[in-house]
PDB file of N, CA and C in Angstrom:
ATOM      1  N   ASN A   1     -11.512   4.010   3.882  1.00  0.00           N
ATOM      2  CA  ASN A   1     -12.824   4.596   3.748  1.00  0.00           C
ATOM      3  C   ASN A   1     -13.539   4.143   2.477  1.00  0.00           C
ATOM      4  N   GLU A   2     -12.774   3.975   1.395  1.00  0.00           N
ATOM      5  CA  GLU A   2     -13.403   3.560   0.144  1.00  0.00           C
ATOM      6  C   GLU A   2     -14.016   2.175   0.277  1.00  0.00           C
ATOM      7  N   GLY A   3     -13.336   1.281   0.967  1.00  0.00           N
ATOM      8  CA  GLY A   3     -13.874  -0.066   1.174  1.00  0.00           C
ATOM      9  C   GLY A   3     -15.196  -0.034   1.920  1.00  0.00           C
ATOM     10  N   ARG A   4     -15.281   0.839   2.892  1.00  0.00           N
ATOM     11  CA  ARG A   4     -16.521   0.998   3.658  1.00  0.00           C
ATOM     12  C   ARG A   4     -17.636   1.523   2.752  1.00  0.00           C
ATOM     13  N   ILE A   5     -17.319   2.493   1.932  1.00  0.00           N
ATOM     14  CA  ILE A   5     -18.311   3.065   1.019  1.00  0.00           C
ATOM     15  C   ILE A   5     -18.791   2.017   0.019  1.00  0.00           C
ATOM     16  N   LEU A   6     -17.867   1.251  -0.537  1.00  0.00           N
ATOM     17  CA  LEU A   6     -18.209   0.291  -1.583  1.00  0.00           C
ATOM     18  C   LEU A   6     -18.913  -0.962  -1.072  1.00  0.00           C
ATOM     19  N   THR A   7     -18.578  -1.387   0.139  1.00  0.00           N
ATOM     20  CA  THR A   7     -19.131  -2.652   0.638  1.00  0.00           C
ATOM     21  C   THR A   7     -20.130  -2.485   1.766  1.00  0.00           C
ATOM     22  N   GLY A   8     -20.107  -1.351   2.449  1.00  0.00           N
ATOM     23  CA  GLY A   8     -20.944  -1.160   3.622  1.00  0.00           C
ATOM     24  C   GLY A   8     -20.363  -1.823   4.859  1.00  0.00           C
ATOM     25  N   MET A   9     -19.133  -2.315   4.776  1.00  0.00           N
ATOM     26  CA  MET A   9     -18.489  -3.007   5.891  1.00  0.00           C
ATOM     27  C   MET A   9     -17.392  -2.132   6.475  1.00  0.00           C
ATOM     28  N   ASP A  10     -17.117  -2.340   7.775  1.00  0.00           N
ATOM     29  CA  ASP A  10     -16.145  -1.505   8.469  1.00  0.00           C
ATOM     30  C   ASP A  10     -14.767  -2.132   8.634  1.00  0.00           C
ATOM     31  N   HIS A  11     -14.683  -3.423   8.770  1.00  0.00           N
ATOM     32  CA  HIS A  11     -13.424  -4.088   9.107  1.00  0.00           C
ATOM     33  C   HIS A  11     -12.736  -4.599   7.847  1.00  0.00           C
ATOM     34  N   GLU A  12     -11.412  -4.461   7.805  1.00  0.00           N
ATOM     35  CA  GLU A  12     -10.660  -4.870   6.618  1.00  0.00           C
ATOM     36  C   GLU A  12     -10.846  -6.346   6.267  1.00  0.00           C
ATOM     37  N   LYS A  13     -10.968  -7.199   7.277  1.00  0.00           N
ATOM     38  CA  LYS A  13     -11.169  -8.624   6.990  1.00  0.00           C
ATOM     39  C   LYS A  13     -12.518  -8.866   6.317  1.00  0.00           C
ATOM     40  N   ASP A  14     -13.540  -8.143   6.749  1.00  0.00           N
ATOM     41  CA  ASP A  14     -14.863  -8.272   6.130  1.00  0.00           C
ATOM     42  C   ASP A  14     -14.857  -7.714   4.711  1.00  0.00           C
ATOM     43  N   ILE A  15     -14.188  -6.591   4.527  1.00  0.00           N
ATOM     44  CA  ILE A  15     -14.105  -5.991   3.194  1.00  0.00           C
ATOM     45  C   ILE A  15     -13.380  -6.934   2.238  1.00  0.00           C
ATOM     46  N   ALA A  16     -12.269  -7.509   2.691  1.00  0.00           N
ATOM     47  CA  ALA A  16     -11.540  -8.471   1.851  1.00  0.00           C
ATOM     48  C   ALA A  16     -12.422  -9.675   1.539  1.00  0.00           C
ATOM     49  N   GLY A  17     -13.125 -10.177   2.536  1.00  0.00           N
ATOM     50  CA  GLY A  17     -14.017 -11.319   2.327  1.00  0.00           C
ATOM     51  C   GLY A  17     -15.086 -11.037   1.292  1.00  0.00           C
ATOM     52  N   TYR A  18     -15.603  -9.826   1.295  1.00  0.00           N
ATOM     53  CA  TYR A  18     -16.613  -9.406   0.322  1.00  0.00           C
ATOM     54  C   TYR A  18     -16.095  -9.620  -1.101  1.00  0.00           C
ATOM     55  N   TYR A  19     -14.879  -9.173  -1.359  1.00  0.00           N
ATOM     56  CA  TYR A  19     -14.312  -9.294  -2.702  1.00  0.00           C
ATOM     57  C   TYR A  19     -13.876 -10.722  -3.020  1.00  0.00           C
ATOM     58  N   LEU A  20     -13.343 -11.417  -2.038  1.00  0.00           N
ATOM     59  CA  LEU A  20     -12.931 -12.803  -2.271  1.00  0.00           C
ATOM     60  C   LEU A  20     -14.131 -13.680  -2.616  1.00  0.00           C
ATOM     61  N   GLN A  21     -15.250 -13.436  -1.977  1.00  0.00           N
ATOM     62  CA  GLN A  21     -16.468 -14.196  -2.270  1.00  0.00           C
ATOM     63  C   GLN A  21     -16.963 -13.950  -3.687  1.00  0.00           C
ATOM     64  N   ARG A  22     -16.532 -12.876  -4.291  1.00  0.00           N
ATOM     65  CA  ARG A  22     -16.950 -12.532  -5.645  1.00  0.00           C
ATOM     66  C   ARG A  22     -15.904 -12.910  -6.686  1.00  0.00           C
ATOM     67  N   GLY A  23     -14.903 -13.702  -6.283  1.00  0.00           N
ATOM     68  CA  GLY A  23     -13.945 -14.237  -7.236  1.00  0.00           C
ATOM     69  C   GLY A  23     -12.606 -13.548  -7.322  1.00  0.00           C
ATOM     70  N   VAL A  24     -12.427 -12.462  -6.583  1.00  0.00           N
ATOM     71  CA  VAL A  24     -11.125 -11.806  -6.582  1.00  0.00           C
ATOM     72  C   VAL A  24     -10.116 -12.745  -5.929  1.00  0.00           C
ATOM     73  N   GLN A  25      -8.916 -12.820  -6.460  1.00  0.00           N
ATOM     74  CA  GLN A  25      -7.903 -13.735  -5.937  1.00  0.00           C
ATOM     75  C   GLN A  25      -7.014 -13.125  -4.856  1.00  0.00           C
ATOM     76  N   THR A  26      -6.782 -11.824  -4.944  1.00  0.00           N
ATOM     77  CA  THR A  26      -5.939 -11.130  -3.966  1.00  0.00           C
ATOM     78  C   THR A  26      -6.537  -9.769  -3.676  1.00  0.00           C
ATOM     79  N   VAL A  27      -6.699  -9.456  -2.395  1.00  0.00           N
ATOM     80  CA  VAL A  27      -7.221  -8.155  -1.977  1.00  0.00           C
ATOM     81  C   VAL A  27      -6.126  -7.440  -1.189  1.00  0.00           C
ATOM     82  N   VAL A  28      -5.852  -6.206  -1.586  1.00  0.00           N
ATOM     83  CA  VAL A  28      -4.863  -5.377  -0.909  1.00  0.00           C
ATOM     84  C   VAL A  28      -5.586  -4.124  -0.430  1.00  0.00           C
ATOM     85  N   ILE A  29      -5.595  -3.918   0.873  1.00  0.00           N
ATOM     86  CA  ILE A  29      -6.280  -2.766   1.445  1.00  0.00           C
ATOM     87  C   ILE A  29      -5.259  -1.871   2.131  1.00  0.00           C
ATOM     88  N   LYS A  30      -5.075  -0.695   1.580  1.00  0.00           N
ATOM     89  CA  LYS A  30      -4.217   0.314   2.205  1.00  0.00           C
ATOM     90  C   LYS A  30      -5.066   0.979   3.273  1.00  0.00           C
ATOM     91  N   MET A  31      -4.678   0.804   4.523  1.00  0.00           N
ATOM     92  CA  MET A  31      -5.540   1.220   5.624  1.00  0.00           C
ATOM     93  C   MET A  31      -5.343   2.678   6.025  1.00  0.00           C
ATOM     94  N   GLY A  32      -4.439   3.362   5.379  1.00  0.00           N
ATOM     95  CA  GLY A  32      -4.286   4.796   5.589  1.00  0.00           C
ATOM     96  C   GLY A  32      -3.321   5.165   6.693  1.00  0.00           C
ATOM     97  N   GLY A  33      -2.587   6.213   6.437  1.00  0.00           N
ATOM     98  CA  GLY A  33      -1.669   6.750   7.438  1.00  0.00           C
ATOM     99  C   GLY A  33      -0.710   5.718   7.993  1.00  0.00           C
ATOM    100  N   SER A  34      -0.629   5.659   9.292  1.00  0.00           N
ATOM    101  CA  SER A  34       0.325   4.771   9.956  1.00  0.00           C
ATOM    102  C   SER A  34      -0.241   3.372  10.194  1.00  0.00           C
ATOM    103  N   HIS A  35      -1.394   3.070   9.621  1.00  0.00           N
ATOM    104  CA  HIS A  35      -2.043   1.788   9.878  1.00  0.00           C
ATOM    105  C   HIS A  35      -1.597   0.653   8.955  1.00  0.00           C
ATOM    106  N   GLY A  36      -0.792   0.946   7.965  1.00  0.00           N
ATOM    107  CA  GLY A  36      -0.238  -0.095   7.123  1.00  0.00           C
ATOM    108  C   GLY A  36      -1.193  -0.657   6.088  1.00  0.00           C
ATOM    109  N   THR A  37      -0.913  -1.886   5.687  1.00  0.00           N
ATOM    110  CA  THR A  37      -1.642  -2.544   4.608  1.00  0.00           C
ATOM    111  C   THR A  37      -2.101  -3.924   5.062  1.00  0.00           C
ATOM    112  N   TYR A  38      -3.292  -4.289   4.632  1.00  0.00           N
ATOM    113  CA  TYR A  38      -3.837  -5.628   4.891  1.00  0.00           C
ATOM    114  C   TYR A  38      -3.966  -6.337   3.548  1.00  0.00           C
ATOM    115  N   ILE A  39      -3.453  -7.570   3.501  1.00  0.00           N
ATOM    116  CA  ILE A  39      -3.521  -8.381   2.282  1.00  0.00           C
ATOM    117  C   ILE A  39      -4.145  -9.723   2.628  1.00  0.00           C
ATOM    118  N   ARG A  40      -5.064 -10.151   1.768  1.00  0.00           N
ATOM    119  CA  ARG A  40      -5.662 -11.481   1.938  1.00  0.00           C
ATOM    120  C   ARG A  40      -5.870 -12.098   0.561  1.00  0.00           C
ATOM    121  N   THR A  41      -5.583 -13.388   0.460  1.00  0.00           N
ATOM    122  CA  THR A  41      -5.702 -14.075  -0.821  1.00  0.00           C
ATOM    123  C   THR A  41      -6.777 -15.158  -0.764  1.00  0.00           C
ATOM    124  N   ALA A  42      -7.180 -15.607  -1.938  1.00  0.00           N
ATOM    125  CA  ALA A  42      -8.212 -16.634  -2.040  1.00  0.00           C
ATOM    126  C   ALA A  42      -7.755 -17.954  -1.424  1.00  0.00           C
ATOM    127  N   ASP A  43      -6.451 -18.183  -1.340  1.00  0.00           N
ATOM    128  CA  ASP A  43      -5.951 -19.423  -0.722  1.00  0.00           C
ATOM    129  C   ASP A  43      -5.581 -19.216   0.746  1.00  0.00           C
ATOM    130  N   ASP A  44      -6.230 -18.235   1.377  1.00  0.00           N
ATOM    131  CA  ASP A  44      -6.157 -17.979   2.823  1.00  0.00           C
ATOM    132  C   ASP A  44      -4.808 -17.480   3.335  1.00  0.00           C
ATOM    133  N   GLN A  45      -3.998 -16.891   2.482  1.00  0.00           N
ATOM    134  CA  GLN A  45      -2.831 -16.173   2.982  1.00  0.00           C
ATOM    135  C   GLN A  45      -3.327 -14.832   3.516  1.00  0.00           C
ATOM    136  N   GLU A  46      -2.721 -14.382   4.592  1.00  0.00           N
ATOM    137  CA  GLU A  46      -3.147 -13.131   5.200  1.00  0.00           C
ATOM    138  C   GLU A  46      -1.926 -12.432   5.781  1.00  0.00           C
ATOM    139  N   TYR A  47      -1.804 -11.141   5.491  1.00  0.00           N
ATOM    140  CA  TYR A  47      -0.656 -10.369   5.946  1.00  0.00           C
ATOM    141  C   TYR A  47      -1.098  -8.992   6.416  1.00  0.00           C
ATOM    142  N   TYR A  48      -0.468  -8.520   7.471  1.00  0.00           N
ATOM    143  CA  TYR A  48      -0.510  -7.116   7.847  1.00  0.00           C
ATOM    144  C   TYR A  48       0.907  -6.598   7.647  1.00  0.00           C
ATOM    145  N   VAL A  49       1.057  -5.575   6.841  1.00  0.00           N
ATOM    146  CA  VAL A  49       2.374  -5.021   6.551  1.00  0.00           C
ATOM    147  C   VAL A  49       2.397  -3.586   7.083  1.00  0.00           C
ATOM    148  N   PRO A  50       3.331  -3.276   7.968  1.00  0.00           N
ATOM    149  CA  PRO A  50       3.356  -1.927   8.555  1.00  0.00           C
ATOM    150  C   PRO A  50       3.768  -0.868   7.542  1.00  0.00           C
ATOM    151  N   SER A  51       3.387   0.352   7.841  1.00  0.00           N
ATOM    152  CA  SER A  51       3.809   1.479   7.007  1.00  0.00           C
ATOM    153  C   SER A  51       5.129   2.026   7.548  1.00  0.00           C
ATOM    154  N   TYR A  52       5.678   2.986   6.855  1.00  0.00           N
ATOM    155  CA  TYR A  52       6.904   3.647   7.283  1.00  0.00           C
ATOM    156  C   TYR A  52       6.556   4.907   8.068  1.00  0.00           C
ATOM    157  N   HIS A  53       7.315   5.169   9.106  1.00  0.00           N
ATOM    158  CA  HIS A  53       7.117   6.400   9.877  1.00  0.00           C
ATOM    159  C   HIS A  53       7.786   7.557   9.141  1.00  0.00           C
ATOM    160  N   VAL A  54       7.074   8.663   9.066  1.00  0.00           N
ATOM    161  CA  VAL A  54       7.595   9.875   8.448  1.00  0.00           C
ATOM    162  C   VAL A  54       7.500  10.996   9.474  1.00  0.00           C
ATOM    163  N   ASP A  55       8.597  11.679   9.702  1.00  0.00           N
ATOM    164  CA  ASP A  55       8.619  12.756  10.700  1.00  0.00           C
ATOM    165  C   ASP A  55       7.858  13.994  10.268  1.00  0.00           C
ATOM    166  N   HIS A  56       7.923  14.309   8.990  1.00  0.00           N
ATOM    167  CA  HIS A  56       7.315  15.565   8.529  1.00  0.00           C
ATOM    168  C   HIS A  56       6.500  15.321   7.261  1.00  0.00           C
ATOM    169  N   ILE A  57       5.188  15.434   7.380  1.00  0.00           N
ATOM    170  CA  ILE A  57       4.290  15.259   6.237  1.00  0.00           C
ATOM    171  C   ILE A  57       4.029  16.620   5.610  1.00  0.00           C
ATOM    172  N   VAL A  58       4.269  16.724   4.314  1.00  0.00           N
ATOM    173  CA  VAL A  58       4.069  17.978   3.593  1.00  0.00           C
ATOM    174  C   VAL A  58       2.733  17.965   2.859  1.00  0.00           C
ATOM    175  N   ASP A  59       2.451  16.877   2.137  1.00  0.00           N
ATOM    176  CA  ASP A  59       1.269  16.816   1.274  1.00  0.00           C
ATOM    177  C   ASP A  59       0.916  15.348   1.048  1.00  0.00           C
ATOM    178  N   THR A  60      -0.300  14.964   1.396  1.00  0.00           N
ATOM    179  CA  THR A  60      -0.683  13.550   1.249  1.00  0.00           C
ATOM    180  C   THR A  60      -1.169  13.201  -0.163  1.00  0.00           C
ATOM    181  N   VAL A  61      -1.313  14.217  -1.021  1.00  0.00           N
ATOM    182  CA  VAL A  61      -1.702  13.945  -2.409  1.00  0.00           C
ATOM    183  C   VAL A  61      -0.596  13.122  -3.061  1.00  0.00           C
ATOM    184  N   GLY A  62      -0.965  12.032  -3.661  1.00  0.00           N
ATOM    185  CA  GLY A  62       0.008  11.180  -4.329  1.00  0.00           C
ATOM    186  C   GLY A  62       0.421   9.960  -3.532  1.00  0.00           C
ATOM    187  N   ALA A  63       0.034   9.903  -2.257  1.00  0.00           N
ATOM    188  CA  ALA A  63       0.420   8.752  -1.429  1.00  0.00           C
ATOM    189  C   ALA A  63      -0.180   7.455  -1.969  1.00  0.00           C
ATOM    190  N   GLY A  64      -1.450   7.486  -2.319  1.00  0.00           N
ATOM    191  CA  GLY A  64      -2.102   6.289  -2.847  1.00  0.00           C
ATOM    192  C   GLY A  64      -1.532   5.870  -4.187  1.00  0.00           C
ATOM    193  N   ASP A  65      -1.282   6.846  -5.055  1.00  0.00           N
ATOM    194  CA  ASP A  65      -0.669   6.533  -6.347  1.00  0.00           C
ATOM    195  C   ASP A  65       0.736   5.976  -6.148  1.00  0.00           C
ATOM    196  N   GLY A  66       1.479   6.556  -5.206  1.00  0.00           N
ATOM    197  CA  GLY A  66       2.816   6.050  -4.910  1.00  0.00           C
ATOM    198  C   GLY A  66       2.768   4.613  -4.428  1.00  0.00           C
ATOM    199  N   PHE A  67       1.804   4.316  -3.547  1.00  0.00           N
ATOM    200  CA  PHE A  67       1.650   2.939  -3.083  1.00  0.00           C
ATOM    201  C   PHE A  67       1.355   2.018  -4.263  1.00  0.00           C
ATOM    202  N   ALA A  68       0.428   2.431  -5.111  1.00  0.00           N
ATOM    203  CA  ALA A  68       0.022   1.587  -6.236  1.00  0.00           C
ATOM    204  C   ALA A  68       1.183   1.319  -7.187  1.00  0.00           C
ATOM    205  N   VAL A  69       1.956   2.337  -7.500  1.00  0.00           N
ATOM    206  CA  VAL A  69       3.083   2.138  -8.407  1.00  0.00           C
ATOM    207  C   VAL A  69       4.147   1.259  -7.762  1.00  0.00           C
ATOM    208  N   GLY A  70       4.362   1.430  -6.473  1.00  0.00           N
ATOM    209  CA  GLY A  70       5.342   0.593  -5.780  1.00  0.00           C
ATOM    210  C   GLY A  70       4.907  -0.855  -5.709  1.00  0.00           C
ATOM    211  N   PHE A  71       3.657  -1.081  -5.343  1.00  0.00           N
ATOM    212  CA  PHE A  71       3.132  -2.440  -5.239  1.00  0.00           C
ATOM    213  C   PHE A  71       3.158  -3.116  -6.604  1.00  0.00           C
ATOM    214  N   THR A  72       2.652  -2.440  -7.613  1.00  0.00           N
ATOM    215  CA  THR A  72       2.568  -3.035  -8.949  1.00  0.00           C
ATOM    216  C   THR A  72       3.949  -3.313  -9.526  1.00  0.00           C
ATOM    217  N   SER A  73       4.866  -2.364  -9.388  1.00  0.00           N
ATOM    218  CA  SER A  73       6.211  -2.585  -9.926  1.00  0.00           C
ATOM    219  C   SER A  73       6.908  -3.735  -9.208  1.00  0.00           C
ATOM    220  N   ALA A  74       6.641  -3.889  -7.921  1.00  0.00           N
ATOM    221  CA  ALA A  74       7.241  -4.998  -7.174  1.00  0.00           C
ATOM    222  C   ALA A  74       6.710  -6.347  -7.655  1.00  0.00           C
ATOM    223  N   ILE A  75       5.419  -6.431  -7.899  1.00  0.00           N
ATOM    224  CA  ILE A  75       4.847  -7.679  -8.428  1.00  0.00           C
ATOM    225  C   ILE A  75       5.451  -7.985  -9.795  1.00  0.00           C
ATOM    226  N   LEU A  76       5.577  -6.960 -10.633  1.00  0.00           N
ATOM    227  CA  LEU A  76       6.177  -7.165 -11.955  1.00  0.00           C
ATOM    228  C   LEU A  76       7.647  -7.564 -11.861  1.00  0.00           C
ATOM    229  N   ASP A  77       8.313  -7.148 -10.776  1.00  0.00           N
ATOM    230  CA  ASP A  77       9.705  -7.537 -10.536  1.00  0.00           C
ATOM    231  C   ASP A  77       9.821  -8.916  -9.895  1.00  0.00           C
ATOM    232  N   GLY A  78       8.684  -9.559  -9.606  1.00  0.00           N
ATOM    233  CA  GLY A  78       8.708 -10.900  -9.040  1.00  0.00           C
ATOM    234  C   GLY A  78       8.753 -10.962  -7.524  1.00  0.00           C
ATOM    235  N   LEU A  79       8.549  -9.844  -6.843  1.00  0.00           N
ATOM    236  CA  LEU A  79       8.542  -9.859  -5.382  1.00  0.00           C
ATOM    237  C   LEU A  79       7.250 -10.485  -4.862  1.00  0.00           C
ATOM    238  N   ASN A  80       7.286 -10.979  -3.632  1.00  0.00           N
ATOM    239  CA  ASN A  80       6.076 -11.543  -3.024  1.00  0.00           C
ATOM    240  C   ASN A  80       5.159 -10.412  -2.545  1.00  0.00           C
ATOM    241  N   LEU A  81       3.966 -10.780  -2.103  1.00  0.00           N
ATOM    242  CA  LEU A  81       2.964  -9.779  -1.716  1.00  0.00           C
ATOM    243  C   LEU A  81       3.427  -8.886  -0.569  1.00  0.00           C
ATOM    244  N   GLU A  82       4.071  -9.474   0.425  1.00  0.00           N
ATOM    245  CA  GLU A  82       4.535  -8.667   1.563  1.00  0.00           C
ATOM    246  C   GLU A  82       5.582  -7.648   1.136  1.00  0.00           C
ATOM    247  N   ASP A  83       6.545  -8.097   0.342  1.00  0.00           N
ATOM    248  CA  ASP A  83       7.587  -7.184  -0.117  1.00  0.00           C
ATOM    249  C   ASP A  83       7.019  -6.137  -1.070  1.00  0.00           C
ATOM    250  N   ALA A  84       6.017  -6.519  -1.842  1.00  0.00           N
ATOM    251  CA  ALA A  84       5.358  -5.547  -2.721  1.00  0.00           C
ATOM    252  C   ALA A  84       4.672  -4.469  -1.892  1.00  0.00           C
ATOM    253  N   ALA A  85       4.015  -4.868  -0.808  1.00  0.00           N
ATOM    254  CA  ALA A  85       3.361  -3.896   0.068  1.00  0.00           C
ATOM    255  C   ALA A  85       4.391  -3.000   0.748  1.00  0.00           C
ATOM    256  N   ARG A  86       5.539  -3.563   1.101  1.00  0.00           N
ATOM    257  CA  ARG A  86       6.602  -2.750   1.717  1.00  0.00           C
ATOM    258  C   ARG A  86       7.110  -1.699   0.725  1.00  0.00           C
ATOM    259  N   ARG A  87       7.304  -2.127  -0.532  1.00  0.00           N
ATOM    260  CA  ARG A  87       7.755  -1.153  -1.538  1.00  0.00           C
ATOM    261  C   ARG A  87       6.689  -0.072  -1.728  1.00  0.00           C
ATOM    262  N   GLY A  88       5.449  -0.487  -1.832  1.00  0.00           N
ATOM    263  CA  GLY A  88       4.367   0.484  -1.987  1.00  0.00           C
ATOM    264  C   GLY A  88       4.323   1.455  -0.826  1.00  0.00           C
ATOM    265  N   ALA A  89       4.466   0.945   0.383  1.00  0.00           N
ATOM    266  CA  ALA A  89       4.448   1.797   1.571  1.00  0.00           C
ATOM    267  C   ALA A  89       5.625   2.766   1.570  1.00  0.00           C
ATOM    268  N   ALA A  90       6.774   2.297   1.135  1.00  0.00           N
ATOM    269  CA  ALA A  90       7.954   3.160   1.089  1.00  0.00           C
ATOM    270  C   ALA A  90       7.742   4.307   0.103  1.00  0.00           C
ATOM    271  N   ILE A  91       7.245   4.005  -1.083  1.00  0.00           N
ATOM    272  CA  ILE A  91       7.037   5.056  -2.077  1.00  0.00           C
ATOM    273  C   ILE A  91       5.938   6.013  -1.612  1.00  0.00           C
ATOM    274  N   GLY A  92       4.890   5.486  -1.010  1.00  0.00           N
ATOM    275  CA  GLY A  92       3.852   6.355  -0.455  1.00  0.00           C
ATOM    276  C   GLY A  92       4.418   7.283   0.607  1.00  0.00           C
ATOM    277  N   ALA A  93       5.280   6.761   1.473  1.00  0.00           N
ATOM    278  CA  ALA A  93       5.892   7.578   2.526  1.00  0.00           C
ATOM    279  C   ALA A  93       6.810   8.641   1.938  1.00  0.00           C
ATOM    280  N   MET A  94       7.509   8.293   0.886  1.00  0.00           N
ATOM    281  CA  MET A  94       8.383   9.268   0.245  1.00  0.00           C
ATOM    282  C   MET A  94       7.554  10.366  -0.425  1.00  0.00           C
ATOM    283  N   ALA A  95       6.431   9.987  -1.000  1.00  0.00           N
ATOM    284  CA  ALA A  95       5.581  10.941  -1.716  1.00  0.00           C
ATOM    285  C   ALA A  95       5.000  12.009  -0.798  1.00  0.00           C
ATOM    286  N   ILE A  96       4.701  11.662   0.435  1.00  0.00           N
ATOM    287  CA  ILE A  96       4.047  12.631   1.332  1.00  0.00           C
ATOM    288  C   ILE A  96       5.021  13.620   1.967  1.00  0.00           C
ATOM    289  N   GLN A  97       6.285  13.464   1.663  1.00  0.00           N
ATOM    290  CA  GLN A  97       7.279  14.368   2.230  1.00  0.00           C
ATOM    291  C   GLN A  97       7.578  15.581   1.346  1.00  0.00           C
ATOM    292  N   VAL A  98       6.909  15.646   0.197  1.00  0.00           N
ATOM    293  CA  VAL A  98       7.075  16.784  -0.705  1.00  0.00           C
ATOM    294  C   VAL A  98       5.701  17.236  -1.201  1.00  0.00           C
ATOM    295  N   ALA A  99       5.622  18.456  -1.705  1.00  0.00           N
ATOM    296  CA  ALA A  99       4.372  18.968  -2.262  1.00  0.00           C
ATOM    297  C   ALA A  99       4.167  18.399  -3.663  1.00  0.00           C
ATOM    298  N   GLY A 100       2.920  18.102  -3.989  1.00  0.00           N
ATOM    299  CA  GLY A 100       2.589  17.629  -5.326  1.00  0.00           C
ATOM    300  C   GLY A 100       2.302  16.153  -5.366  1.00  0.00           C
ATOM    301  N   ASP A 101       1.757  15.716  -6.481  1.00  0.00           N
ATOM    302  CA  ASP A 101       1.311  14.325  -6.559  1.00  0.00           C
ATOM    303  C   ASP A 101       2.357  13.350  -7.076  1.00  0.00           C
ATOM    304  N   ASN A 102       3.374  13.804  -7.802  1.00  0.00           N
ATOM    305  CA  ASN A 102       4.389  12.850  -8.260  1.00  0.00           C
ATOM    306  C   ASN A 102       5.817  13.341  -8.066  1.00  0.00           C
ATOM    307  N   GLU A 103       5.980  14.509  -7.458  1.00  0.00           N
ATOM    308  CA  GLU A 103       7.328  15.049  -7.251  1.00  0.00           C
ATOM    309  C   GLU A 103       8.156  14.193  -6.292  1.00  0.00           C
ATOM    310  N   GLY A 104       7.515  13.444  -5.419  1.00  0.00           N
ATOM    311  CA  GLY A 104       8.236  12.617  -4.459  1.00  0.00           C
ATOM    312  C   GLY A 104       8.520  11.200  -4.927  1.00  0.00           C
ATOM    313  N   LEU A 105       8.104  10.868  -6.144  1.00  0.00           N
ATOM    314  CA  LEU A 105       8.361   9.507  -6.629  1.00  0.00           C
ATOM    315  C   LEU A 105       9.864   9.317  -6.810  1.00  0.00           C
ATOM    316  N   PRO A 106      10.418   8.249  -6.228  1.00  0.00           N
ATOM    317  CA  PRO A 106      11.869   8.080  -6.196  1.00  0.00           C
ATOM    318  C   PRO A 106      12.422   7.315  -7.398  1.00  0.00           C
ATOM    319  N   THR A 107      13.730   7.457  -7.570  1.00  0.00           N
ATOM    320  CA  THR A 107      14.453   6.545  -8.452  1.00  0.00           C
ATOM    321  C   THR A 107      14.623   5.231  -7.683  1.00  0.00           C
ATOM    322  N   ARG A 108      15.047   4.199  -8.357  1.00  0.00           N
ATOM    323  CA  ARG A 108      15.284   2.924  -7.646  1.00  0.00           C
ATOM    324  C   ARG A 108      16.363   3.082  -6.578  1.00  0.00           C
ATOM    325  N   THR A 109      17.386   3.849  -6.861  1.00  0.00           N
ATOM    326  CA  THR A 109      18.455   4.065  -5.879  1.00  0.00           C
ATOM    327  C   THR A 109      17.925   4.786  -4.650  1.00  0.00           C
ATOM    328  N   GLN A 110      17.125   5.843  -4.853  1.00  0.00           N
ATOM    329  CA  GLN A 110      16.531   6.562  -3.724  1.00  0.00           C
ATOM    330  C   GLN A 110      15.615   5.652  -2.917  1.00  0.00           C
ATOM    331  N   LEU A 111      14.842   4.815  -3.597  1.00  0.00           N
ATOM    332  CA  LEU A 111      13.951   3.875  -2.912  1.00  0.00           C
ATOM    333  C   LEU A 111      14.753   2.899  -2.058  1.00  0.00           C
ATOM    334  N   GLU A 112      15.801   2.330  -2.624  1.00  0.00           N
ATOM    335  CA  GLU A 112      16.622   1.380  -1.869  1.00  0.00           C
ATOM    336  C   GLU A 112      17.246   2.024  -0.649  1.00  0.00           C
ATOM    337  N   GLU A 113      17.715   3.264  -0.789  1.00  0.00           N
ATOM    338  CA  GLU A 113      18.300   3.983   0.357  1.00  0.00           C
ATOM    339  C   GLU A 113      17.253   4.227   1.431  1.00  0.00           C
ATOM    340  N   PHE A 114      16.050   4.630   1.033  1.00  0.00           N
ATOM    341  CA  PHE A 114      14.965   4.877   1.986  1.00  0.00           C
ATOM    342  C   PHE A 114      14.608   3.590   2.732  1.00  0.00           C
ATOM    343  N   GLN A 115      14.514   2.487   2.029  1.00  0.00           N
ATOM    344  CA  GLN A 115      14.115   1.231   2.668  1.00  0.00           C
ATOM    345  C   GLN A 115      15.203   0.667   3.571  1.00  0.00           C
ATOM    346  N   ARG A 116      16.438   1.063   3.380  1.00  0.00           N
ATOM    347  CA  ARG A 116      17.517   0.592   4.252  1.00  0.00           C
ATOM    348  C   ARG A 116      17.518   1.296   5.599  1.00  0.00           C
ATOM    349  N   ARG A 117      16.846   2.440   5.704  1.00  0.00           N
ATOM    350  CA  ARG A 117      16.841   3.195   6.964  1.00  0.00           C
ATOM    351  C   ARG A 117      16.066   2.496   8.032  1.00  0.00           C
TER     352      ARG A 117
END
């Protein structure tokens, strides 16, 4: 929704194109809920990365922050864009299973166990 508000465009590919045309090198769009993540780069790499299924959602506050911390930490760890989006999606999914904005943030061990499921 934020991409639509900021650009006036509806489709993730158009929203990414808007930013790429303005010099951004990598665009990551979290499409919300079960719709996953769309990534596009200035050198024409393009990825759709699925989200994780969660049986019981308690509180969606913190999901976006969880995604951001997961994605950013993965890039800092040297992971590629797809794996960074997977980590972000995993942490976001873990965050929505508890009440509060950061109570669901995992340790690395908890994250690895969640991603192995």
